[in-house]
Amino acid sequence: MNHDYCVKDIALNAQGQQKIDWAAKWMKVLNRLAERYEKDGSFKGKRVTLCIHLEAKTAYLASVIKRLGAEVWITSSNSMSTKDDVCAALAAQGIHVHAIHGANRKTFNEFLVSVVACKPHVVVDDGGDICELLHQNPGYAENLMGICEETTTGVQRLKEKVKKGILKYPAFAINDAQSKYLYDNRYGTGQSTWTAITHLTNMTIAGRVVVIVGYGWVGRGVAVRAAGLGAEVIITEINPWKAMEARMDGFQVMPIEDAAPRGDFFVTATGEDDVIRLEHVENMKDGAFLSNAGHFGYEIAVPDLYSKAISVNTVRENIEEIIFANGKKVYLLSKGDIINIAGGLGHPVEILDISFSLQLASIHHVLNSRYTEGKLYNVPAEIDEMVIREKMLVENIRIDEDRKGVLKR
């Protein structure tokens, strides 16, 4: 393994760089913030580690951080979402990238260690794996000034640590900022999930029954886009307030047991494990499609499906046909991993421009602050508002002034 990088094929760097360059054209807020931060030198000489879905937009964030003067280590938060050509492009830029599409768990864990061995000043985490590693091996965290957690699952893991009183390091819930969850989780995942599903299956969504498990911000976005494509939408939930919200948004609400026989397409969006289990799949229609929009690939009980199947065949790229003894078959997309990235291109670039601008601003804040306690912090309101106002500026959107001087959030 090369000490500077470990990628599938460095020769793929040209096509990867082309993808990064395309994303860079449209990440206008990120570019504006980079120009601002370049002047104060906050990033110079610092070490930043990123564990995040590794595709063109995230790669551009890493490139910007390097351009600002930091030394950057990066790996993927999910090996199935890794784009090998993008990794090669980052390696060619001099970024320490350790990621290969489809890496097994042992290699994945080795990559995690590789990117924290530098003893970073700031970590950008997506799902909480780096945070877990730093708690198990605190020697890697001796210079750590803060963790910036990108996604719902990772924030949930941080909140569990807070509840147990075992969070050792300052951490920031990037996902809980309005500039993140209102746009990334809802509009980003909503669009990119259906882009991936329709691309992989080449099937019509209009007139089909779509069952969405979970009505958080991701579930809301997936539901709205499904309805926009002409689907009949059913929501399953365990939270009574979210269930009632889904009903008042115009969707049917029922238990997964009742929804299973009715659905044509199933999408999980909970962050919890085994929300679609074998007994549900056994009651589904012949030919139902199963997919997961959550961060980790455990929302569908895939091992149980495999063990019960009489055959599992790849019938199309990222589609497995699972056949049971009674002849019924279901189609599993991207092995149950995060569908919009493992089976697609991820969020639209303009959406991630907002999210990664928030990340860059939060990293800048951590580097210029003196947080020391093991607490979970919200992104400061002024940073959250600054990012969305920058986005409005580049989109030429104007609004009325708040004459009372109190912005209601």
Protein backbone atom coordinates (compact mmCIF):
# COMPACT_ATOMS: atom_id res chain seq x y z
CA MET A 1 0.00 0.00 0.00
CA ASN A 2 1.41 3.39 -1.03
CA HIS A 3 1.90 5.64 1.99
CA ASP A 4 0.54 8.69 0.18
CA TYR A 5 -2.53 7.12 -1.36
CA CYS A 6 -4.26 3.84 -2.06
CA VAL A 7 -6.60 3.86 -5.05
CA LYS A 8 -7.71 1.29 -7.59
CA ASP A 9 -5.92 2.79 -10.60
CA ILE A 10 -4.10 6.14 -10.68
CA ALA A 11 -4.44 6.13 -14.48
CA LEU A 12 -8.14 6.93 -14.04
CA ASN A 13 -7.26 10.41 -12.77
CA ALA A 14 -8.05 12.33 -15.98
CA GLN A 15 -11.68 11.19 -16.18
CA GLY A 16 -12.08 11.72 -12.45
CA GLN A 17 -10.68 15.25 -12.69
CA GLN A 18 -13.16 16.02 -15.48
CA LYS A 19 -16.02 15.15 -13.11
CA ILE A 20 -14.54 17.28 -10.32
CA ASP A 21 -14.07 20.22 -12.70
CA TRP A 22 -17.73 20.00 -13.75
CA ALA A 23 -18.86 20.10 -10.12
CA ALA A 24 -16.55 23.05 -9.43
CA LYS A 25 -18.33 25.20 -12.02
CA TRP A 26 -21.60 25.01 -10.09
CA MET A 27 -20.40 25.15 -6.49
CA LYS A 28 -20.48 28.93 -6.49
CA VAL A 29 -21.03 29.49 -2.78
CA LEU A 30 -18.15 27.18 -1.88
CA ASN A 31 -15.91 29.08 -4.27
CA ARG A 32 -16.91 32.43 -2.73
CA LEU A 33 -16.14 31.19 0.78
CA ALA A 34 -12.82 29.73 -0.37
CA GLU A 35 -11.77 33.14 -1.70
CA ARG A 36 -12.70 34.70 1.64
CA TYR A 37 -10.87 32.12 3.79
CA GLU A 38 -7.78 32.11 1.63
CA LYS A 39 -7.04 35.63 2.83
CA ASP A 40 -6.90 34.83 6.54
CA GLY A 41 -4.69 31.73 6.31
CA SER A 42 -6.67 29.73 8.88
CA PHE A 43 -6.18 26.43 7.04
CA LYS A 44 -2.44 26.74 6.42
CA GLY A 45 -0.40 24.04 8.10
CA LYS A 46 -3.46 22.25 9.48
CA ARG A 47 -4.33 18.59 8.90
CA VAL A 48 -7.91 17.80 7.92
CA THR A 49 -9.33 14.28 7.66
CA LEU A 50 -12.52 13.52 5.76
CA CYS A 51 -14.54 10.30 5.86
CA ILE A 52 -17.36 10.96 3.43
CA HIS A 53 -19.07 9.52 0.33
CA LEU A 54 -16.29 9.84 -2.18
CA GLU A 55 -17.60 11.21 -5.45
CA ALA A 56 -17.05 14.38 -7.50
CA LYS A 57 -18.69 16.96 -5.22
CA THR A 58 -17.04 15.68 -2.04
CA ALA A 59 -13.77 15.48 -3.92
CA TYR A 60 -14.08 19.15 -4.80
CA LEU A 61 -14.55 20.02 -1.13
CA ALA A 62 -11.30 18.16 -0.39
CA SER A 63 -9.58 20.03 -3.24
CA VAL A 64 -10.73 23.38 -1.84
CA ILE A 65 -9.47 22.54 1.64
CA LYS A 66 -6.08 21.64 0.17
CA ARG A 67 -6.03 24.84 -1.89
CA LEU A 68 -6.56 26.79 1.34
CA GLY A 69 -3.30 25.37 2.67
CA ALA A 70 -4.30 22.32 4.70
CA GLU A 71 -2.92 18.83 4.25
CA VAL A 72 -5.85 16.57 3.47
CA TRP A 73 -6.49 12.89 4.16
CA ILE A 74 -9.69 11.37 2.83
CA THR A 75 -11.47 8.03 2.71
CA SER A 76 -14.98 6.93 1.91
CA SER A 77 -17.75 6.51 4.48
CA ASN A 78 -19.23 3.72 2.33
CA SER A 79 -17.09 1.67 -0.04
CA MET A 80 -20.03 1.07 -2.37
CA SER A 81 -20.39 4.81 -3.00
CA THR A 82 -16.72 5.27 -3.85
CA LYS A 83 -15.91 6.43 -7.39
CA ASP A 84 -12.47 5.08 -8.30
CA ASP A 85 -11.74 7.67 -11.00
CA VAL A 86 -12.47 10.52 -8.59
CA CYS A 87 -10.15 8.95 -6.01
CA ALA A 88 -7.41 8.73 -8.64
CA ALA A 89 -7.87 12.43 -9.45
CA LEU A 90 -7.48 13.39 -5.80
CA ALA A 91 -4.36 11.28 -5.48
CA ALA A 92 -2.92 13.03 -8.54
CA GLN A 93 -3.57 16.37 -6.81
CA GLY A 94 -1.42 15.32 -3.86
CA ILE A 95 -4.28 14.51 -1.50
CA HIS A 96 -3.82 11.46 0.71
CA VAL A 97 -6.78 9.39 -0.48
CA HIS A 98 -7.32 5.82 0.73
CA ALA A 99 -10.45 4.38 -0.87
CA ILE A 100 -11.45 1.71 -3.37
CA HIS A 101 -14.94 0.93 -4.60
CA GLY A 102 -16.28 -2.27 -3.05
CA ALA A 103 -13.49 -2.63 -0.47
CA ASN A 104 -14.22 -5.34 2.09
CA ARG A 105 -14.71 -4.51 5.74
CA LYS A 106 -11.11 -5.30 6.71
CA THR A 107 -9.71 -3.00 4.03
CA PHE A 108 -12.31 -0.35 4.83
CA ASN A 109 -11.16 -0.34 8.47
CA GLU A 110 -7.52 -0.12 7.39
CA PHE A 111 -8.40 2.94 5.32
CA LEU A 112 -10.00 4.56 8.37
CA VAL A 113 -6.79 4.11 10.32
CA SER A 114 -4.73 5.44 7.39
CA VAL A 115 -6.54 8.78 7.38
CA VAL A 116 -6.35 9.42 11.15
CA ALA A 117 -2.73 8.34 11.59
CA CYS A 118 -1.78 11.93 10.68
CA LYS A 119 -3.38 13.04 13.97
CA PRO A 120 -5.70 15.60 12.37
CA HIS A 121 -6.76 18.98 13.69
CA VAL A 122 -10.28 18.70 12.26
CA VAL A 123 -12.34 15.72 11.12
CA VAL A 124 -15.27 15.76 8.71
CA ASP A 125 -17.24 12.59 9.42
CA ASP A 126 -20.24 11.13 7.59
CA GLY A 127 -21.91 8.43 9.62
CA GLY A 128 -19.66 8.39 12.67
CA ASP A 129 -17.01 5.77 11.83
CA ILE A 130 -14.05 8.10 12.34
CA CYS A 131 -15.54 9.35 15.60
CA GLU A 132 -15.81 5.75 16.82
CA LEU A 133 -12.22 5.05 15.83
CA LEU A 134 -10.94 8.14 17.67
CA HIS A 135 -12.78 7.05 20.82
CA GLN A 136 -11.21 3.60 20.60
CA ASN A 137 -7.76 5.02 19.83
CA PRO A 138 -7.49 8.45 21.49
CA GLY A 139 -3.82 8.75 20.54
CA TYR A 140 -4.92 9.70 17.03
CA ALA A 141 -6.91 12.61 18.50
CA GLU A 142 -4.15 14.38 20.39
CA ASN A 143 -4.36 17.43 18.06
CA LEU A 144 -8.11 17.26 17.47
CA MET A 145 -9.95 20.58 17.65
CA GLY A 146 -13.33 19.31 16.52
CA ILE A 147 -15.45 16.83 14.56
CA CYS A 148 -17.93 18.07 11.96
CA GLU A 149 -20.61 15.38 11.48
CA GLU A 150 -22.38 15.49 8.13
CA THR A 151 -25.37 13.19 8.32
CA THR A 152 -28.38 12.11 10.38
CA THR A 153 -26.97 8.69 11.32
CA GLY A 154 -23.72 10.15 12.57
CA VAL A 155 -25.46 12.81 14.64
CA GLN A 156 -27.64 10.11 16.20
CA ARG A 157 -24.49 8.21 17.19
CA LEU A 158 -23.04 11.37 18.71
CA LYS A 159 -26.22 12.00 20.68
CA GLU A 160 -26.01 8.47 22.08
CA LYS A 161 -22.48 9.21 23.28
CA VAL A 162 -23.68 12.43 24.91
CA LYS A 163 -26.52 10.55 26.61
CA LYS A 164 -24.05 8.00 27.99
CA GLY A 165 -21.57 10.70 28.98
CA ILE A 166 -18.75 9.25 26.88
CA LEU A 167 -18.24 11.85 24.12
CA LYS A 168 -14.59 12.84 24.41
CA TYR A 169 -14.24 15.53 21.75
CA PRO A 170 -15.99 18.71 20.59
CA ALA A 171 -18.40 17.77 17.80
CA PHE A 172 -20.67 19.81 15.58
CA ALA A 173 -24.03 18.57 14.30
CA ILE A 174 -23.72 19.86 10.74
CA ASN A 175 -26.75 17.78 9.77
CA ASP A 176 -28.96 19.67 12.23
CA ALA A 177 -28.28 23.07 10.69
CA GLN A 178 -31.19 24.42 8.64
CA SER A 179 -28.92 24.96 5.63
CA LYS A 180 -28.25 21.21 5.67
CA TYR A 181 -31.41 19.29 6.51
CA LEU A 182 -33.91 21.54 4.77
CA TYR A 183 -32.18 21.15 1.40
CA ASP A 184 -29.68 18.29 1.37
CA ASN A 185 -31.76 15.68 3.17
CA ARG A 186 -35.05 16.61 1.53
CA TYR A 187 -34.41 17.99 -1.96
CA GLY A 188 -31.01 16.39 -2.51
CA THR A 189 -31.91 12.85 -1.45
CA GLY A 190 -35.42 13.18 -2.85
CA GLN A 191 -34.25 13.90 -6.37
CA SER A 192 -31.12 11.74 -6.43
CA THR A 193 -32.92 8.67 -5.05
CA TRP A 194 -35.40 8.63 -7.91
CA THR A 195 -32.75 9.55 -10.47
CA ALA A 196 -30.82 6.45 -9.39
CA ILE A 197 -33.85 4.14 -9.25
CA THR A 198 -35.17 5.14 -12.67
CA HIS A 199 -31.69 4.94 -14.18
CA LEU A 200 -31.01 1.48 -12.78
CA THR A 201 -34.41 -0.05 -13.52
CA ASN A 202 -35.51 1.92 -16.60
CA MET A 203 -39.02 1.50 -15.20
CA THR A 204 -42.01 3.84 -15.04
CA ILE A 205 -42.86 5.29 -11.63
CA ALA A 206 -46.17 6.87 -12.66
CA GLY A 207 -49.13 4.73 -11.62
CA ARG A 208 -47.00 2.54 -9.35
CA VAL A 209 -47.38 2.14 -5.59
CA VAL A 210 -44.34 3.43 -3.72
CA VAL A 211 -43.84 2.50 -0.06
CA ILE A 212 -41.48 4.74 1.90
CA VAL A 213 -40.35 3.55 5.30
CA GLY A 214 -39.73 6.58 7.49
CA TYR A 215 -40.95 10.16 7.20
CA GLY A 216 -38.01 12.19 8.41
CA TRP A 217 -36.48 14.82 6.14
CA VAL A 218 -35.17 12.17 3.75
CA GLY A 219 -38.49 10.32 3.68
CA ARG A 220 -40.34 13.58 3.04
CA GLY A 221 -38.14 14.36 0.06
CA VAL A 222 -38.41 10.88 -1.44
CA ALA A 223 -42.19 10.93 -0.97
CA VAL A 224 -42.72 14.32 -2.62
CA ARG A 225 -40.62 13.36 -5.65
CA ALA A 226 -42.41 10.01 -5.97
CA ALA A 227 -45.76 11.79 -5.96
CA GLY A 228 -44.44 14.23 -8.53
CA LEU A 229 -43.60 11.31 -10.80
CA GLY A 230 -47.20 10.14 -10.56
CA ALA A 231 -46.86 7.39 -7.96
CA GLU A 232 -49.35 6.44 -5.27
CA VAL A 233 -47.39 6.92 -2.05
CA ILE A 234 -47.71 4.97 1.20
CA ILE A 235 -45.75 5.95 4.32
CA THR A 236 -44.88 3.62 7.20
CA GLU A 237 -43.76 5.14 10.50
CA ILE A 238 -43.29 4.43 14.21
CA ASN A 239 -43.45 8.11 15.21
CA PRO A 240 -47.08 9.27 15.64
CA TRP A 241 -46.34 12.95 14.86
CA LYS A 242 -44.46 12.12 11.67
CA ALA A 243 -47.20 9.67 10.69
CA MET A 244 -49.88 12.33 11.12
CA GLU A 245 -47.74 14.82 9.23
CA ALA A 246 -47.47 12.35 6.33
CA ARG A 247 -51.23 11.88 6.34
CA MET A 248 -51.84 15.63 6.32
CA ASP A 249 -49.37 15.95 3.46
CA GLY A 250 -51.77 13.74 1.51
CA PHE A 251 -50.10 10.34 1.76
CA GLN A 252 -51.55 7.05 2.95
CA VAL A 253 -50.15 5.83 6.26
CA MET A 254 -50.16 2.23 7.46
CA PRO A 255 -47.92 -0.44 9.08
CA ILE A 256 -45.28 -2.08 6.89
CA GLU A 257 -47.18 -5.38 7.24
CA ASP A 258 -50.18 -3.84 5.48
CA ALA A 259 -48.10 -1.95 2.92
CA ALA A 260 -45.93 -4.92 1.90
CA PRO A 261 -48.49 -6.64 -0.40
CA ARG A 262 -49.37 -3.35 -2.09
CA GLY A 263 -46.02 -1.84 -3.01
CA ASP A 264 -44.20 -1.92 -6.33
CA PHE A 265 -41.19 0.10 -5.13
CA PHE A 266 -39.93 0.17 -1.53
CA VAL A 267 -37.51 2.80 -0.21
CA THR A 268 -36.18 2.80 3.37
CA ALA A 269 -35.20 6.10 4.99
CA THR A 270 -34.90 5.57 8.75
CA GLY A 271 -31.27 5.06 9.82
CA GLU A 272 -32.45 1.97 11.73
CA ASP A 273 -31.65 -1.67 11.04
CA ASP A 274 -33.97 -4.33 9.58
CA VAL A 275 -36.99 -2.11 8.98
CA ILE A 276 -37.82 -4.32 5.99
CA ARG A 277 -37.48 -7.91 7.11
CA LEU A 278 -37.90 -11.32 5.52
CA GLU A 279 -41.52 -11.69 6.65
CA HIS A 280 -42.36 -8.42 4.89
CA VAL A 281 -40.62 -9.44 1.67
CA GLU A 282 -42.38 -12.79 1.66
CA ASN A 283 -45.69 -10.90 1.51
CA MET A 284 -44.65 -8.58 -1.32
CA LYS A 285 -45.76 -8.75 -4.94
CA ASP A 286 -43.80 -10.80 -7.39
CA GLY A 287 -41.32 -8.39 -8.98
CA ALA A 288 -41.22 -5.74 -6.23
CA PHE A 289 -38.15 -3.46 -6.11
CA LEU A 290 -36.26 -2.91 -2.83
CA SER A 291 -33.94 0.04 -2.19
CA ASN A 292 -32.44 1.96 0.72
CA ALA A 293 -31.94 5.72 0.92
CA GLY A 294 -30.34 5.61 4.39
CA HIS A 295 -26.64 6.02 5.11
CA PHE A 296 -25.84 2.42 6.08
CA GLY A 297 -26.88 -0.69 4.17
CA TYR A 298 -28.63 -2.46 7.02
CA GLU A 299 -32.17 -1.08 6.78
CA ILE A 300 -33.19 -4.03 4.61
CA ALA A 301 -32.40 -7.44 6.17
CA VAL A 302 -30.36 -8.46 3.12
CA PRO A 303 -28.51 -11.42 4.74
CA ASP A 304 -31.85 -13.01 5.66
CA LEU A 305 -33.11 -12.59 2.11
CA TYR A 306 -29.96 -14.19 0.72
CA SER A 307 -30.16 -17.12 3.14
CA LYS A 308 -33.80 -17.82 2.27
CA ALA A 309 -33.37 -17.46 -1.50
CA ILE A 310 -32.92 -20.40 -3.83
CA SER A 311 -30.97 -18.15 -6.20
CA VAL A 312 -29.51 -14.64 -6.33
CA ASN A 313 -28.51 -13.39 -9.77
CA THR A 314 -27.20 -10.08 -11.05
CA VAL A 315 -29.62 -9.35 -13.89
CA ARG A 316 -28.58 -5.75 -14.57
CA GLU A 317 -25.91 -3.45 -13.21
CA ASN A 318 -26.65 -2.89 -9.50
CA ILE A 319 -29.79 -5.07 -9.63
CA GLU A 320 -30.01 -8.52 -8.06
CA GLU A 321 -32.94 -10.83 -8.72
CA ILE A 322 -33.71 -12.80 -5.55
CA ILE A 323 -35.86 -15.88 -6.15
CA PHE A 324 -37.58 -17.80 -3.35
CA ALA A 325 -38.72 -21.42 -3.26
CA ASN A 326 -42.31 -20.56 -4.22
CA GLY A 327 -41.05 -18.90 -7.40
CA LYS A 328 -41.61 -15.35 -6.19
CA LYS A 329 -38.87 -12.91 -7.05
CA VAL A 330 -37.91 -9.45 -5.80
CA TYR A 331 -35.28 -7.08 -7.13
CA LEU A 332 -32.68 -5.62 -4.76
CA LEU A 333 -30.99 -2.42 -5.89
CA SER A 334 -27.32 -1.74 -5.09
CA LYS A 335 -27.26 -4.62 -2.57
CA GLY A 336 -29.31 -2.50 -0.16
CA ASP A 337 -26.60 0.16 0.12
CA ILE A 338 -27.36 3.86 -0.15
CA ILE A 339 -29.14 3.97 -3.48
CA ASN A 340 -28.55 7.53 -4.60
CA ILE A 341 -24.75 7.23 -4.44
CA ALA A 342 -24.05 3.49 -4.68
CA GLY A 343 -26.40 3.33 -7.66
CA GLY A 344 -26.16 6.90 -8.93
CA LEU A 345 -24.27 10.18 -8.89
CA GLY A 346 -25.41 11.42 -5.51
CA HIS A 347 -27.07 14.73 -4.71
CA PRO A 348 -27.38 17.45 -7.36
CA VAL A 349 -24.33 19.66 -7.35
CA GLU A 350 -26.15 22.87 -6.35
CA ILE A 351 -27.54 21.14 -3.25
CA LEU A 352 -24.12 19.98 -2.11
CA ASP A 353 -22.81 23.46 -2.77
CA ILE A 354 -24.94 24.54 0.21
CA SER A 355 -24.00 21.56 2.40
CA PHE A 356 -20.29 21.72 1.73
CA SER A 357 -20.20 25.49 2.12
CA LEU A 358 -21.65 24.87 5.58
CA GLN A 359 -18.93 22.28 6.18
CA LEU A 360 -16.16 24.60 5.04
CA ALA A 361 -17.51 27.45 7.17
CA SER A 362 -17.79 25.12 10.17
CA ILE A 363 -14.22 23.85 9.73
CA HIS A 364 -13.06 27.47 9.55
CA HIS A 365 -14.99 28.20 12.76
CA VAL A 366 -13.41 25.24 14.56
CA LEU A 367 -9.92 26.29 13.47
CA ASN A 368 -10.51 29.79 14.83
CA SER A 369 -12.13 28.75 18.12
CA ARG A 370 -11.02 27.06 21.29
CA TYR A 371 -13.53 24.32 21.98
CA THR A 372 -12.15 21.75 24.41
CA GLU A 373 -15.09 19.95 26.03
CA GLY A 374 -16.58 16.71 24.78
CA LYS A 375 -19.91 18.23 23.83
CA LEU A 376 -22.20 18.18 20.81
CA TYR A 377 -22.63 21.70 19.49
CA ASN A 378 -25.03 23.20 16.98
CA VAL A 379 -23.60 25.10 14.06
CA PRO A 380 -23.61 28.77 15.16
CA ALA A 381 -26.72 30.51 13.85
CA GLU A 382 -24.70 33.23 12.16
CA ILE A 383 -22.83 30.63 10.08
CA ASP A 384 -26.03 28.84 9.15
CA GLU A 385 -27.63 32.12 8.04
CA MET A 386 -24.51 33.33 6.25
CA VAL A 387 -24.38 30.24 4.04
CA ILE A 388 -28.00 30.44 2.95
CA ARG A 389 -27.74 34.18 2.28
CA GLU A 390 -24.66 33.53 0.13
CA LYS A 391 -26.70 30.95 -1.79
CA MET A 392 -29.48 33.48 -2.32
CA LEU A 393 -26.90 35.98 -3.55
CA VAL A 394 -25.49 33.68 -6.24
CA GLU A 395 -29.04 32.72 -7.26
CA ASN A 396 -30.02 36.42 -7.42
CA ILE A 397 -32.86 35.91 -4.93
CA ARG A 398 -33.95 38.97 -2.98
CA ILE A 399 -36.28 39.06 0.03
CA ASP A 400 -37.78 41.67 2.33
CA GLU A 401 -35.81 43.07 5.24
CA ASP A 402 -36.58 42.08 8.80
CA ARG A 403 -37.47 45.53 10.16
CA LYS A 404 -37.65 44.31 13.76
CA GLY A 405 -34.17 42.85 13.59
CA VAL A 406 -35.26 39.41 14.75
CA LEU A 407 -34.97 36.61 12.21
CA LYS A 408 -37.40 33.87 13.17
CA ARG A 409 -35.89 30.43 12.75
